[in-house]
C-alpha atoms as a PDB file:
ATOM      1  CA  MET A   1       0.000   0.000   0.000  1.00  0.00           C
ATOM      2  CA  ASN A   2       1.115   3.613  -0.488  1.00  0.00           C
ATOM      3  CA  THR A   3       3.544   4.990   2.048  1.00  0.00           C
ATOM      4  CA  ASP A   4       1.829   8.369   2.055  1.00  0.00           C
ATOM      5  CA  ASP A   5      -1.623   9.020   3.483  1.00  0.00           C
ATOM      6  CA  THR A   6      -3.439   9.033   0.134  1.00  0.00           C
ATOM      7  CA  ILE A   7      -5.452   5.926  -0.649  1.00  0.00           C
ATOM      8  CA  THR A   8      -5.709   5.342  -4.384  1.00  0.00           C
ATOM      9  CA  ILE A   9      -7.977   3.355  -6.640  1.00  0.00           C
ATOM     10  CA  TYR A  10      -5.070   0.918  -7.068  1.00  0.00           C
ATOM     11  CA  ASP A  11      -5.027   0.240  -3.292  1.00  0.00           C
ATOM     12  CA  VAL A  12      -8.760  -0.497  -3.300  1.00  0.00           C
ATOM     13  CA  ALA A  13      -8.477  -2.784  -6.316  1.00  0.00           C
ATOM     14  CA  ARG A  14      -5.629  -4.753  -4.763  1.00  0.00           C
ATOM     15  CA  GLU A  15      -7.343  -5.124  -1.387  1.00  0.00           C
ATOM     16  CA  ALA A  16     -10.617  -6.204  -2.999  1.00  0.00           C
ATOM     17  CA  GLY A  17      -8.914  -8.516  -5.480  1.00  0.00           C
ATOM     18  CA  VAL A  18     -10.522  -6.870  -8.493  1.00  0.00           C
ATOM     19  CA  SER A  19      -9.418  -4.662 -11.372  1.00  0.00           C
ATOM     20  CA  MET A  20      -9.230  -0.880 -11.152  1.00  0.00           C
ATOM     21  CA  ALA A  21     -11.899  -0.781 -13.868  1.00  0.00           C
ATOM     22  CA  THR A  22     -14.246  -2.712 -11.567  1.00  0.00           C
ATOM     23  CA  VAL A  23     -13.591  -0.285  -8.712  1.00  0.00           C
ATOM     24  CA  SER A  24     -14.284   2.590 -11.096  1.00  0.00           C
ATOM     25  CA  ARG A  25     -17.567   1.006 -12.188  1.00  0.00           C
ATOM     26  CA  VAL A  26     -18.668   0.573  -8.552  1.00  0.00           C
ATOM     27  CA  VAL A  27     -17.766   4.163  -7.668  1.00  0.00           C
ATOM     28  CA  ASN A  28     -19.623   5.506 -10.698  1.00  0.00           C
ATOM     29  CA  GLY A  29     -22.755   3.454 -10.013  1.00  0.00           C
ATOM     30  CA  ASN A  30     -22.428   1.273 -13.110  1.00  0.00           C
ATOM     31  CA  LYS A  31     -24.891  -1.608 -12.853  1.00  0.00           C
ATOM     32  CA  ASN A  32     -22.644  -4.037 -14.758  1.00  0.00           C
ATOM     33  CA  VAL A  33     -21.055  -5.319 -11.550  1.00  0.00           C
ATOM     34  CA  LYS A  34     -22.151  -8.419  -9.650  1.00  0.00           C
ATOM     35  CA  GLU A  35     -23.816  -7.579  -6.355  1.00  0.00           C
ATOM     36  CA  ASN A  36     -21.350  -9.581  -4.223  1.00  0.00           C
ATOM     37  CA  THR A  37     -18.423  -7.904  -6.014  1.00  0.00           C
ATOM     38  CA  ARG A  38     -19.981  -4.471  -5.519  1.00  0.00           C
ATOM     39  CA  LYS A  39     -20.457  -5.142  -1.782  1.00  0.00           C
ATOM     40  CA  LYS A  40     -16.864  -6.361  -1.442  1.00  0.00           C
ATOM     41  CA  VAL A  41     -15.502  -3.242  -3.149  1.00  0.00           C
ATOM     42  CA  LEU A  42     -17.700  -0.923  -1.055  1.00  0.00           C
ATOM     43  CA  GLU A  43     -16.510  -2.692   2.126  1.00  0.00           C
ATOM     44  CA  VAL A  44     -12.875  -2.050   1.155  1.00  0.00           C
ATOM     45  CA  ILE A  45     -13.697   1.572   0.225  1.00  0.00           C
ATOM     46  CA  ASP A  46     -15.214   2.100   3.680  1.00  0.00           C
ATOM     47  CA  ARG A  47     -12.385   0.296   5.495  1.00  0.00           C
ATOM     48  CA  LEU A  48      -9.628   2.201   3.719  1.00  0.00           C
ATOM     49  CA  ASP A  49     -11.618   5.453   3.778  1.00  0.00           C
ATOM     50  CA  TYR A  50     -11.015   5.804   0.052  1.00  0.00           C
ATOM     51  CA  ARG A  51     -12.457   8.970  -1.403  1.00  0.00           C
ATOM     52  CA  PRO A  52     -12.815   9.092  -5.183  1.00  0.00           C
ATOM     53  CA  ASN A  53     -11.101  12.135  -6.611  1.00  0.00           C
ATOM     54  CA  ALA A  54      -9.186  12.688  -3.359  1.00  0.00           C
ATOM     55  CA  VAL A  55      -5.876  12.718  -5.274  1.00  0.00           C
ATOM     56  CA  ALA A  56      -7.178  15.146  -7.850  1.00  0.00           C
ATOM     57  CA  ARG A  57      -8.528  17.395  -5.137  1.00  0.00           C
ATOM     58  CA  GLY A  58      -5.338  17.207  -3.147  1.00  0.00           C
ATOM     59  CA  LEU A  59      -3.179  18.137  -6.142  1.00  0.00           C
ATOM     60  CA  ALA A  60      -5.450  20.782  -7.545  1.00  0.00           C
ATOM     61  CA  SER A  61      -4.909  24.271  -6.266  1.00  0.00           C
ATOM     62  CA  LYS A  62      -8.408  25.301  -7.348  1.00  0.00           C
ATOM     63  CA  LYS A  63     -11.883  23.966  -6.753  1.00  0.00           C
ATOM     64  CA  THR A  64     -13.986  22.921  -9.706  1.00  0.00           C
ATOM     65  CA  THR A  65     -16.417  25.770  -8.833  1.00  0.00           C
ATOM     66  CA  THR A  66     -19.168  23.407  -9.939  1.00  0.00           C
ATOM     67  CA  VAL A  67     -22.242  22.425  -7.943  1.00  0.00           C
ATOM     68  CA  GLY A  68     -24.400  19.415  -8.754  1.00  0.00           C
ATOM     69  CA  VAL A  69     -28.179  19.786  -8.499  1.00  0.00           C
ATOM     70  CA  VAL A  70     -30.314  16.638  -8.332  1.00  0.00           C
ATOM     71  CA  ILE A  71     -33.921  17.218  -9.398  1.00  0.00           C
ATOM     72  CA  PRO A  72     -36.615  14.484  -9.378  1.00  0.00           C
ATOM     73  CA  ASN A  73     -38.564  15.744 -12.370  1.00  0.00           C
ATOM     74  CA  ILE A  74     -37.201  18.483 -14.579  1.00  0.00           C
ATOM     75  CA  ALA A  75     -40.659  19.050 -16.123  1.00  0.00           C
ATOM     76  CA  ASN A  76     -42.265  19.772 -12.740  1.00  0.00           C
ATOM     77  CA  SER A  77     -42.721  23.542 -12.413  1.00  0.00           C
ATOM     78  CA  TYR A  78     -42.254  23.485  -8.613  1.00  0.00           C
ATOM     79  CA  PHE A  79     -38.771  21.980  -8.885  1.00  0.00           C
ATOM     80  CA  SER A  80     -37.944  24.117 -11.920  1.00  0.00           C
ATOM     81  CA  ILE A  81     -38.583  27.310  -9.955  1.00  0.00           C
ATOM     82  CA  LEU A  82     -36.557  25.911  -7.064  1.00  0.00           C
ATOM     83  CA  ALA A  83     -33.684  25.190  -9.464  1.00  0.00           C
ATOM     84  CA  LYS A  84     -33.896  28.763 -10.794  1.00  0.00           C
ATOM     85  CA  GLY A  85     -33.318  30.093  -7.278  1.00  0.00           C
ATOM     86  CA  ILE A  86     -30.306  27.800  -6.916  1.00  0.00           C
ATOM     87  CA  ASP A  87     -28.862  28.840 -10.273  1.00  0.00           C
ATOM     88  CA  ASP A  88     -29.186  32.583  -9.627  1.00  0.00           C
ATOM     89  CA  ILE A  89     -27.310  32.441  -6.316  1.00  0.00           C
ATOM     90  CA  ALA A  90     -24.739  30.047  -7.789  1.00  0.00           C
ATOM     91  CA  ALA A  91     -24.018  32.562 -10.539  1.00  0.00           C
ATOM     92  CA  MET A  92     -23.697  35.335  -7.963  1.00  0.00           C
ATOM     93  CA  TYR A  93     -20.984  33.338  -6.176  1.00  0.00           C
ATOM     94  CA  LYS A  94     -19.302  32.296  -9.457  1.00  0.00           C
ATOM     95  CA  TYR A  95     -20.360  28.647  -9.382  1.00  0.00           C
ATOM     96  CA  ASN A  96     -21.506  26.636 -12.373  1.00  0.00           C
ATOM     97  CA  ILE A  97     -24.477  24.296 -12.098  1.00  0.00           C
ATOM     98  CA  VAL A  98     -24.679  20.704 -13.328  1.00  0.00           C
ATOM     99  CA  LEU A  99     -28.378  19.824 -13.347  1.00  0.00           C
ATOM    100  CA  ALA A 100     -29.231  16.115 -13.237  1.00  0.00           C
ATOM    101  CA  SER A 101     -32.723  14.589 -13.254  1.00  0.00           C
ATOM    102  CA  SER A 102     -33.415  11.349 -11.406  1.00  0.00           C
ATOM    103  CA  ASP A 103     -36.800  10.963 -13.160  1.00  0.00           C
ATOM    104  CA  GLU A 104     -38.286   9.920  -9.784  1.00  0.00           C
ATOM    105  CA  ASP A 105     -36.373   6.622 -10.032  1.00  0.00           C
ATOM    106  CA  ASP A 106     -34.506   5.535  -6.879  1.00  0.00           C
ATOM    107  CA  ASP A 107     -31.824   3.546  -8.725  1.00  0.00           C
ATOM    108  CA  LYS A 108     -31.208   6.311 -11.253  1.00  0.00           C
ATOM    109  CA  GLU A 109     -31.000   8.752  -8.356  1.00  0.00           C
ATOM    110  CA  VAL A 110     -28.017   6.832  -6.911  1.00  0.00           C
ATOM    111  CA  ASN A 111     -26.327   6.718 -10.331  1.00  0.00           C
ATOM    112  CA  VAL A 112     -26.900  10.441 -10.842  1.00  0.00           C
ATOM    113  CA  VAL A 113     -25.354  11.292  -7.463  1.00  0.00           C
ATOM    114  CA  ASN A 114     -22.332   9.057  -8.104  1.00  0.00           C
ATOM    115  CA  THR A 115     -21.852  10.648 -11.516  1.00  0.00           C
ATOM    116  CA  LEU A 116     -21.795  14.076  -9.876  1.00  0.00           C
ATOM    117  CA  PHE A 117     -19.252  12.868  -7.323  1.00  0.00           C
ATOM    118  CA  ALA A 118     -17.123  11.539 -10.188  1.00  0.00           C
ATOM    119  CA  LYS A 119     -17.272  14.963 -11.837  1.00  0.00           C
ATOM    120  CA  GLN A 120     -15.645  16.347  -8.679  1.00  0.00           C
ATOM    121  CA  VAL A 121     -18.425  18.813  -7.922  1.00  0.00           C
ATOM    122  CA  ASP A 122     -17.686  21.002  -4.906  1.00  0.00           C
ATOM    123  CA  GLY A 123     -21.140  20.399  -3.441  1.00  0.00           C
ATOM    124  CA  ILE A 124     -24.585  18.967  -4.154  1.00  0.00           C
ATOM    125  CA  ILE A 125     -28.078  20.330  -3.684  1.00  0.00           C
ATOM    126  CA  PHE A 126     -30.545  17.479  -3.531  1.00  0.00           C
ATOM    127  CA  MET A 127     -34.244  17.702  -4.300  1.00  0.00           C
ATOM    128  CA  GLY A 128     -36.451  14.655  -3.969  1.00  0.00           C
ATOM    129  CA  HIS A 129     -39.647  13.268  -2.488  1.00  0.00           C
ATOM    130  CA  HIS A 130     -37.759  11.090   0.004  1.00  0.00           C
ATOM    131  CA  LEU A 131     -34.301  10.014   1.147  1.00  0.00           C
ATOM    132  CA  THR A 132     -33.717   6.313   0.553  1.00  0.00           C
ATOM    133  CA  GLU A 133     -31.202   4.317   2.581  1.00  0.00           C
ATOM    134  CA  LYS A 134     -29.121   3.925  -0.594  1.00  0.00           C
ATOM    135  CA  ILE A 135     -28.888   7.646  -1.194  1.00  0.00           C
ATOM    136  CA  ARG A 136     -28.081   8.286   2.482  1.00  0.00           C
ATOM    137  CA  ALA A 137     -25.256   5.747   2.218  1.00  0.00           C
ATOM    138  CA  GLU A 138     -23.816   7.514  -0.834  1.00  0.00           C
ATOM    139  CA  PHE A 139     -23.934  10.886   0.918  1.00  0.00           C
ATOM    140  CA  SER A 140     -22.299   9.518   4.071  1.00  0.00           C
ATOM    141  CA  ARG A 141     -19.468   7.923   2.066  1.00  0.00           C
ATOM    142  CA  SER A 142     -18.502  11.195   0.459  1.00  0.00           C
ATOM    143  CA  ARG A 143     -16.905  14.303   1.927  1.00  0.00           C
ATOM    144  CA  THR A 144     -18.711  16.416  -0.656  1.00  0.00           C
ATOM    145  CA  PRO A 145     -21.176  18.672   1.211  1.00  0.00           C
ATOM    146  CA  VAL A 146     -24.871  18.116   0.534  1.00  0.00           C
ATOM    147  CA  VAL A 147     -27.812  20.445   1.212  1.00  0.00           C
ATOM    148  CA  LEU A 148     -31.463  19.436   0.859  1.00  0.00           C
ATOM    149  CA  ALA A 149     -33.891  21.850  -0.817  1.00  0.00           C
ATOM    150  CA  GLY A 150     -37.622  21.253  -0.436  1.00  0.00           C
ATOM    151  CA  THR A 151     -36.805  17.790   0.904  1.00  0.00           C
ATOM    152  CA  VAL A 152     -37.407  16.577   4.460  1.00  0.00           C
ATOM    153  CA  ASP A 153     -34.860  14.625   6.494  1.00  0.00           C
ATOM    154  CA  LEU A 154     -36.627  13.026   9.436  1.00  0.00           C
ATOM    155  CA  GLU A 155     -33.286  11.879  10.847  1.00  0.00           C
ATOM    156  CA  HIS A 156     -31.999  15.477  10.866  1.00  0.00           C
ATOM    157  CA  GLN A 157     -28.599  14.480   9.465  1.00  0.00           C
ATOM    158  CA  LEU A 158     -28.294  16.842   6.508  1.00  0.00           C
ATOM    159  CA  PRO A 159     -28.593  20.634   6.228  1.00  0.00           C
ATOM    160  CA  SER A 160     -31.938  21.572   4.679  1.00  0.00           C
ATOM    161  CA  VAL A 161     -34.241  24.402   3.622  1.00  0.00           C
ATOM    162  CA  ASN A 162     -38.004  23.833   3.725  1.00  0.00           C
ATOM    163  CA  ILE A 163     -41.281  25.232   4.989  1.00  0.00           C
ATOM    164  CA  ASP A 164     -43.110  23.651   7.919  1.00  0.00           C
ATOM    165  CA  TYR A 165     -45.143  21.232   5.794  1.00  0.00           C
ATOM    166  CA  LYS A 166     -46.979  19.768   8.770  1.00  0.00           C
ATOM    167  CA  ALA A 167     -48.106  23.162  10.094  1.00  0.00           C
ATOM    168  CA  ALA A 168     -49.136  24.205   6.578  1.00  0.00           C
ATOM    169  CA  VAL A 169     -51.498  21.229   6.274  1.00  0.00           C
ATOM    170  CA  VAL A 170     -52.958  21.979   9.714  1.00  0.00           C
ATOM    171  CA  ASP A 171     -53.711  25.492   8.423  1.00  0.00           C
ATOM    172  CA  VAL A 172     -55.417  24.059   5.330  1.00  0.00           C
ATOM    173  CA  VAL A 173     -57.631  21.734   7.375  1.00  0.00           C
ATOM    174  CA  ASP A 174     -58.562  24.670   9.639  1.00  0.00           C
ATOM    175  CA  ILE A 175     -59.893  26.526   6.606  1.00  0.00           C
ATOM    176  CA  LEU A 176     -61.664  23.584   4.974  1.00  0.00           C
ATOM    177  CA  ALA A 177     -63.249  22.499   8.272  1.00  0.00           C
ATOM    178  CA  LYS A 178     -65.180  25.765   8.470  1.00  0.00           C
ATOM    179  CA  SER A 179     -67.674  24.474   5.907  1.00  0.00           C
ATOM    180  CA  ASN A 180     -66.849  20.760   5.475  1.00  0.00           C
ATOM    181  CA  LYS A 181     -67.002  17.683   7.693  1.00  0.00           C
ATOM    182  CA  GLU A 182     -65.578  15.166   5.201  1.00  0.00           C
ATOM    183  CA  ILE A 183     -62.141  16.341   4.054  1.00  0.00           C
ATOM    184  CA  ALA A 184     -60.046  14.101   1.810  1.00  0.00           C
ATOM    185  CA  PHE A 185     -56.249  13.845   1.876  1.00  0.00           C
ATOM    186  CA  VAL A 186     -54.867  13.390  -1.642  1.00  0.00           C
ATOM    187  CA  SER A 187     -51.140  12.994  -2.087  1.00  0.00           C
ATOM    188  CA  GLY A 188     -48.315  11.315  -3.904  1.00  0.00           C
ATOM    189  CA  PRO A 189     -47.088   7.928  -2.602  1.00  0.00           C
ATOM    190  CA  LEU A 190     -47.339   7.682   1.182  1.00  0.00           C
ATOM    191  CA  ILE A 191     -43.972   5.919   1.215  1.00  0.00           C
ATOM    192  CA  ASP A 192     -42.489   9.376   0.614  1.00  0.00           C
ATOM    193  CA  ASP A 193     -41.758  10.828   4.058  1.00  0.00           C
ATOM    194  CA  ILE A 194     -43.088  14.262   3.172  1.00  0.00           C
ATOM    195  CA  ASN A 195     -46.496  12.688   2.482  1.00  0.00           C
ATOM    196  CA  GLY A 196     -46.821   9.658   4.739  1.00  0.00           C
ATOM    197  CA  LYS A 197     -45.096  11.052   7.823  1.00  0.00           C
ATOM    198  CA  VAL A 198     -45.205  14.849   7.646  1.00  0.00           C
ATOM    199  CA  ARG A 199     -48.242  16.036   5.695  1.00  0.00           C
ATOM    200  CA  LEU A 200     -50.438  13.163   6.882  1.00  0.00           C
ATOM    201  CA  ALA A 201     -49.515  13.992  10.489  1.00  0.00           C
ATOM    202  CA  GLY A 202     -50.593  17.592   9.833  1.00  0.00           C
ATOM    203  CA  TYR A 203     -53.873  16.379   8.327  1.00  0.00           C
ATOM    204  CA  LYS A 204     -54.626  14.213  11.367  1.00  0.00           C
ATOM    205  CA  GLU A 205     -53.714  17.028  13.753  1.00  0.00           C
ATOM    206  CA  GLY A 206     -55.939  19.441  11.835  1.00  0.00           C
ATOM    207  CA  LEU A 207     -58.885  17.049  11.986  1.00  0.00           C
ATOM    208  CA  GLU A 208     -58.474  16.520  15.725  1.00  0.00           C
ATOM    209  CA  LYS A 209     -58.119  20.248  16.311  1.00  0.00           C
ATOM    210  CA  ASN A 210     -61.448  20.815  14.554  1.00  0.00           C
ATOM    211  CA  GLY A 211     -63.290  17.910  16.200  1.00  0.00           C
ATOM    212  CA  LEU A 212     -63.378  15.768  13.056  1.00  0.00           C
ATOM    213  CA  SER A 213     -62.752  12.027  12.887  1.00  0.00           C
ATOM    214  CA  PHE A 214     -59.924  10.498  10.897  1.00  0.00           C
ATOM    215  CA  LYS A 215     -61.179   8.031   8.268  1.00  0.00           C
ATOM    216  CA  GLU A 216     -58.950   5.744   6.207  1.00  0.00           C
ATOM    217  CA  GLY A 217     -61.487   5.950   3.393  1.00  0.00           C
ATOM    218  CA  LEU A 218     -60.649   9.616   2.883  1.00  0.00           C
ATOM    219  CA  ILE A 219     -56.939   8.960   2.222  1.00  0.00           C
ATOM    220  CA  PHE A 220     -55.914   8.756  -1.444  1.00  0.00           C
ATOM    221  CA  GLU A 221     -52.456   8.308  -2.917  1.00  0.00           C
ATOM    222  CA  ALA A 222     -51.365   8.543  -6.533  1.00  0.00           C
ATOM    223  CA  ASN A 223     -48.347   9.367  -8.635  1.00  0.00           C
ATOM    224  CA  TYR A 224     -47.437  13.018  -9.068  1.00  0.00           C
ATOM    225  CA  ASN A 225     -49.278  13.738 -12.314  1.00  0.00           C
ATOM    226  CA  TYR A 226     -52.431  15.216 -13.823  1.00  0.00           C
ATOM    227  CA  LYS A 227     -53.790  11.945 -15.245  1.00  0.00           C
ATOM    228  CA  GLU A 228     -53.872  10.182 -11.892  1.00  0.00           C
ATOM    229  CA  GLY A 229     -55.559  13.159 -10.252  1.00  0.00           C
ATOM    230  CA  PHE A 230     -58.240  13.131 -12.947  1.00  0.00           C
ATOM    231  CA  GLU A 231     -58.825   9.408 -12.496  1.00  0.00           C
ATOM    232  CA  LEU A 232     -59.133   9.794  -8.715  1.00  0.00           C
ATOM    233  CA  ALA A 233     -62.097  12.175  -8.944  1.00  0.00           C
ATOM    234  CA  GLN A 234     -64.898   9.609  -8.929  1.00  0.00           C
ATOM    235  CA  ARG A 235     -63.358   7.694  -6.028  1.00  0.00           C
ATOM    236  CA  VAL A 236     -63.066  10.919  -4.049  1.00  0.00           C
ATOM    237  CA  ILE A 237     -66.717  11.737  -4.763  1.00  0.00           C
ATOM    238  CA  ASN A 238     -67.781   8.220  -3.782  1.00  0.00           C
ATOM    239  CA  SER A 239     -65.970   8.597  -0.450  1.00  0.00           C
ATOM    240  CA  GLY A 240     -68.418  11.308   0.565  1.00  0.00           C
ATOM    241  CA  ALA A 241     -65.754  13.991   0.731  1.00  0.00           C
ATOM    242  CA  THR A 242     -66.803  17.567  -0.009  1.00  0.00           C
ATOM    243  CA  ALA A 243     -63.298  19.027   0.185  1.00  0.00           C
ATOM    244  CA  ALA A 244     -59.693  17.943  -0.264  1.00  0.00           C
ATOM    245  CA  PHE A 245     -56.176  18.910   0.608  1.00  0.00           C
ATOM    246  CA  VAL A 246     -54.010  17.919  -2.372  1.00  0.00           C
ATOM    247  CA  ALA A 247     -50.260  17.591  -1.923  1.00  0.00           C
ATOM    248  CA  GLU A 248     -49.189  18.351  -5.518  1.00  0.00           C
ATOM    249  CA  ASP A 249     -50.431  20.920  -8.022  1.00  0.00           C
ATOM    250  CA  GLU A 250     -50.590  18.692 -11.126  1.00  0.00           C
ATOM    251  CA  LEU A 251     -52.541  16.164  -9.088  1.00  0.00           C
ATOM    252  CA  ALA A 252     -54.878  18.948  -7.929  1.00  0.00           C
ATOM    253  CA  ALA A 253     -55.465  20.198 -11.496  1.00  0.00           C
ATOM    254  CA  GLY A 254     -56.346  16.672 -12.581  1.00  0.00           C
ATOM    255  CA  LEU A 255     -58.730  16.236  -9.650  1.00  0.00           C
ATOM    256  CA  LEU A 256     -60.365  19.597 -10.418  1.00  0.00           C
ATOM    257  CA  ASN A 257     -61.115  18.662 -14.016  1.00  0.00           C
ATOM    258  CA  GLY A 258     -62.191  15.171 -12.983  1.00  0.00           C
ATOM    259  CA  LEU A 259     -64.719  16.705 -10.617  1.00  0.00           C
ATOM    260  CA  PHE A 260     -66.034  18.958 -13.409  1.00  0.00           C
ATOM    261  CA  GLU A 261     -66.334  15.900 -15.654  1.00  0.00           C
ATOM    262  CA  ALA A 262     -68.444  14.258 -12.938  1.00  0.00           C
ATOM    263  CA  GLY A 263     -70.738  17.290 -12.752  1.00  0.00           C
ATOM    264  CA  LYS A 264     -69.321  18.867  -9.600  1.00  0.00           C
ATOM    265  CA  LYS A 265     -68.754  22.608  -9.353  1.00  0.00           C
ATOM    266  CA  VAL A 266     -65.635  23.912  -7.606  1.00  0.00           C
ATOM    267  CA  PRO A 267     -65.788  25.549  -5.126  1.00  0.00           C
ATOM    268  CA  GLU A 268     -69.596  25.512  -4.778  1.00  0.00           C
ATOM    269  CA  ASP A 269     -69.895  21.695  -4.482  1.00  0.00           C
ATOM    270  CA  PHE A 270     -66.343  20.783  -3.615  1.00  0.00           C
ATOM    271  CA  GLU A 271     -63.391  22.728  -2.187  1.00  0.00           C
ATOM    272  CA  ILE A 272     -59.756  22.075  -3.119  1.00  0.00           C
ATOM    273  CA  ILE A 273     -56.604  23.520  -1.582  1.00  0.00           C
ATOM    274  CA  THR A 274     -53.324  22.408  -3.109  1.00  0.00           C
ATOM    275  CA  SER A 275     -49.799  22.724  -1.787  1.00  0.00           C
ATOM    276  CA  ASN A 276     -47.033  24.049  -4.038  1.00  0.00           C
ATOM    277  CA  ASP A 277     -48.242  27.423  -5.353  1.00  0.00           C
ATOM    278  CA  SER A 278     -46.736  26.650  -8.764  1.00  0.00           C
ATOM    279  CA  PRO A 279     -47.879  28.398 -11.986  1.00  0.00           C
ATOM    280  CA  ILE A 280     -50.301  25.499 -12.522  1.00  0.00           C
ATOM    281  CA  THR A 281     -52.618  26.999  -9.885  1.00  0.00           C
ATOM    282  CA  SER A 282     -53.269  29.974 -12.167  1.00  0.00           C
ATOM    283  CA  TYR A 283     -53.736  27.884 -15.325  1.00  0.00           C
ATOM    284  CA  THR A 284     -56.948  26.257 -14.071  1.00  0.00           C
ATOM    285  CA  HIS A 285     -60.460  27.655 -13.990  1.00  0.00           C
ATOM    286  CA  PRO A 286     -61.240  28.515 -11.339  1.00  0.00           C
ATOM    287  CA  ASN A 287     -57.697  29.156 -10.139  1.00  0.00           C
ATOM    288  CA  LEU A 288     -56.658  26.792  -7.366  1.00  0.00           C
ATOM    289  CA  SER A 289     -56.245  27.883  -3.769  1.00  0.00           C
ATOM    290  CA  SER A 290     -52.837  26.849  -2.484  1.00  0.00           C
ATOM    291  CA  ILE A 291     -50.445  26.910   0.400  1.00  0.00           C
ATOM    292  CA  SER A 292     -48.103  29.721  -0.563  1.00  0.00           C
ATOM    293  CA  GLN A 293     -44.442  28.959  -0.187  1.00  0.00           C
ATOM    294  CA  PRO A 294     -41.388  30.909  -1.323  1.00  0.00           C
ATOM    295  CA  VAL A 295     -40.284  28.264  -3.839  1.00  0.00           C
ATOM    296  CA  TYR A 296     -37.605  30.417  -5.489  1.00  0.00           C
ATOM    297  CA  ASP A 297     -36.265  31.354  -2.043  1.00  0.00           C
ATOM    298  CA  LEU A 298     -36.081  27.692  -1.012  1.00  0.00           C
ATOM    299  CA  GLY A 299     -33.587  27.210  -3.836  1.00  0.00           C
ATOM    300  CA  ALA A 300     -31.742  30.480  -3.274  1.00  0.00           C
ATOM    301  CA  VAL A 301     -31.296  29.974   0.477  1.00  0.00           C
ATOM    302  CA  SER A 302     -30.181  26.358   0.011  1.00  0.00           C
ATOM    303  CA  MET A 303     -27.478  27.481  -2.447  1.00  0.00           C
ATOM    304  CA  ARG A 304     -26.308  30.197  -0.072  1.00  0.00           C
ATOM    305  CA  MET A 305     -26.149  27.613   2.703  1.00  0.00           C
ATOM    306  CA  LEU A 306     -24.054  25.358   0.480  1.00  0.00           C
ATOM    307  CA  THR A 307     -21.601  28.170  -0.333  1.00  0.00           C
ATOM    308  CA  LYS A 308     -21.073  28.686   3.397  1.00  0.00           C
ATOM    309  CA  ILE A 309     -20.371  24.989   3.951  1.00  0.00           C
ATOM    310  CA  MET A 310     -18.007  24.818   0.960  1.00  0.00           C
ATOM    311  CA  ASN A 311     -16.122  27.853   2.290  1.00  0.00           C
ATOM    312  CA  LYS A 312     -15.920  26.352   5.801  1.00  0.00           C
ATOM    313  CA  GLU A 313     -18.131  29.088   7.232  1.00  0.00           C
ATOM    314  CA  GLU A 314     -20.183  28.357  10.327  1.00  0.00           C
ATOM    315  CA  LEU A 315     -23.913  27.790   9.821  1.00  0.00           C
ATOM    316  CA  GLU A 316     -26.211  29.661  12.195  1.00  0.00           C
ATOM    317  CA  GLU A 317     -28.935  27.101  11.496  1.00  0.00           C
ATOM    318  CA  LYS A 318     -28.610  23.646   9.978  1.00  0.00           C
ATOM    319  CA  GLU A 319     -32.345  23.314   9.260  1.00  0.00           C
ATOM    320  CA  ILE A 320     -34.030  26.444   7.935  1.00  0.00           C
ATOM    321  CA  LEU A 321     -37.817  26.794   7.764  1.00  0.00           C
ATOM    322  CA  LEU A 322     -39.151  29.615   5.586  1.00  0.00           C
ATOM    323  CA  ASN A 323     -42.573  31.159   6.064  1.00  0.00           C
ATOM    324  CA  HIS A 324     -45.695  29.838   4.381  1.00  0.00           C
ATOM    325  CA  GLY A 325     -49.178  31.243   3.906  1.00  0.00           C
ATOM    326  CA  LEU A 326     -52.318  30.629   1.856  1.00  0.00           C
ATOM    327  CA  ILE A 327     -53.288  32.035  -1.521  1.00  0.00           C
ATOM    328  CA  THR A 328     -57.001  32.127  -2.304  1.00  0.00           C
ATOM    329  CA  PRO A 329     -57.980  33.465  -5.746  1.00  0.00           C
ATOM    330  CA  VAL A 330     -60.279  36.482  -5.756  1.00  0.00           C
ATOM    331  CA  SER A 331     -62.835  34.661  -7.917  1.00  0.00           C
ATOM    332  CA  TYR A 332     -62.860  31.761  -5.461  1.00  0.00           C
ATOM    333  CA  THR A 333     -63.392  34.081  -2.483  1.00  0.00           C
ATOM    334  CA  HIS A 334     -66.294  35.786  -4.230  1.00  0.00           C
ATOM    335  CA  LEU A 335     -67.958  32.468  -5.015  1.00  0.00           C
ATOM    336  CA  ARG A 336     -67.743  31.247  -1.430  1.00  0.00           C
ATOM    337  CA  ALA A 337     -68.927  34.601  -0.049  1.00  0.00           C
ATOM    338  CA  HIS A 338     -71.872  34.643  -2.472  1.00  0.00           C
ATOM    339  CA  GLU A 339     -72.782  31.098  -1.472  1.00  0.00           C
ATOM    340  CA  THR A 340     -72.993  32.019   2.192  1.00  0.00           C
END
């Protein structure tokens, strides 16, 4: 093994009894490696504390001034606005952005992160619906700083910038409970922590606060898209619900049009409040009420936080919660006021 303190890819290959090409494939997330071989290489990497690109970083007098940004769906307007906030602050601090989409695929997400590590990015901003054990393992193996933007970490391990999603849902239920007894909870997959553990907890707390019973039959989960929201409409109607909190704007737009298709008027017959305050809320008729959140600022603040970490500056707060509110379209307010 090397006499100096730097562990190289050659050391890992020799200890693991594999080729350097195999080590490279494991590090870069290439799937063309047998699982037992991959585990053996990762065990040696952990034992030797091998850090890919450590030599390059040690020899280089300059940083790459590049930041990797992992986005779950590049077509989703919520994450696009978030990424814009990141990019603007990155440019201000002379960093370049490498944007990588995981396409909401857990395996691709790991590959994307490893590719960014291989590119020697100075830091990563991660956006996603949940943190899998695999992605946590990749983050913990690397010395590259990571900040979460619009992504909850229930284990409180990583720096993050969010709103208080639980409190926001409590606020929504407070409003809907004024004129509804049967309030549906419509979200993306409940396996995603932000839905199944944070927003759902807020929904239950809001119901209890307003003297309403929790009913499993009022819980609906779907993928994050318009089509699934549209197809949910009849099931939501059949549940007896007269209002819904919806945890994603595309889903809410689909539900809205599905309700119209079924002969329901919104908001006269059915109330909807969605969650992301994306441009989609203004594309529908009527416009959708939504939790208001500073989406651009979520990205901007997360990038500023990352610059501090990369420059070894002390963080005043590791977990930042920005303010939220509620946006109710004027036309919607008039309809409800006229109804009463």
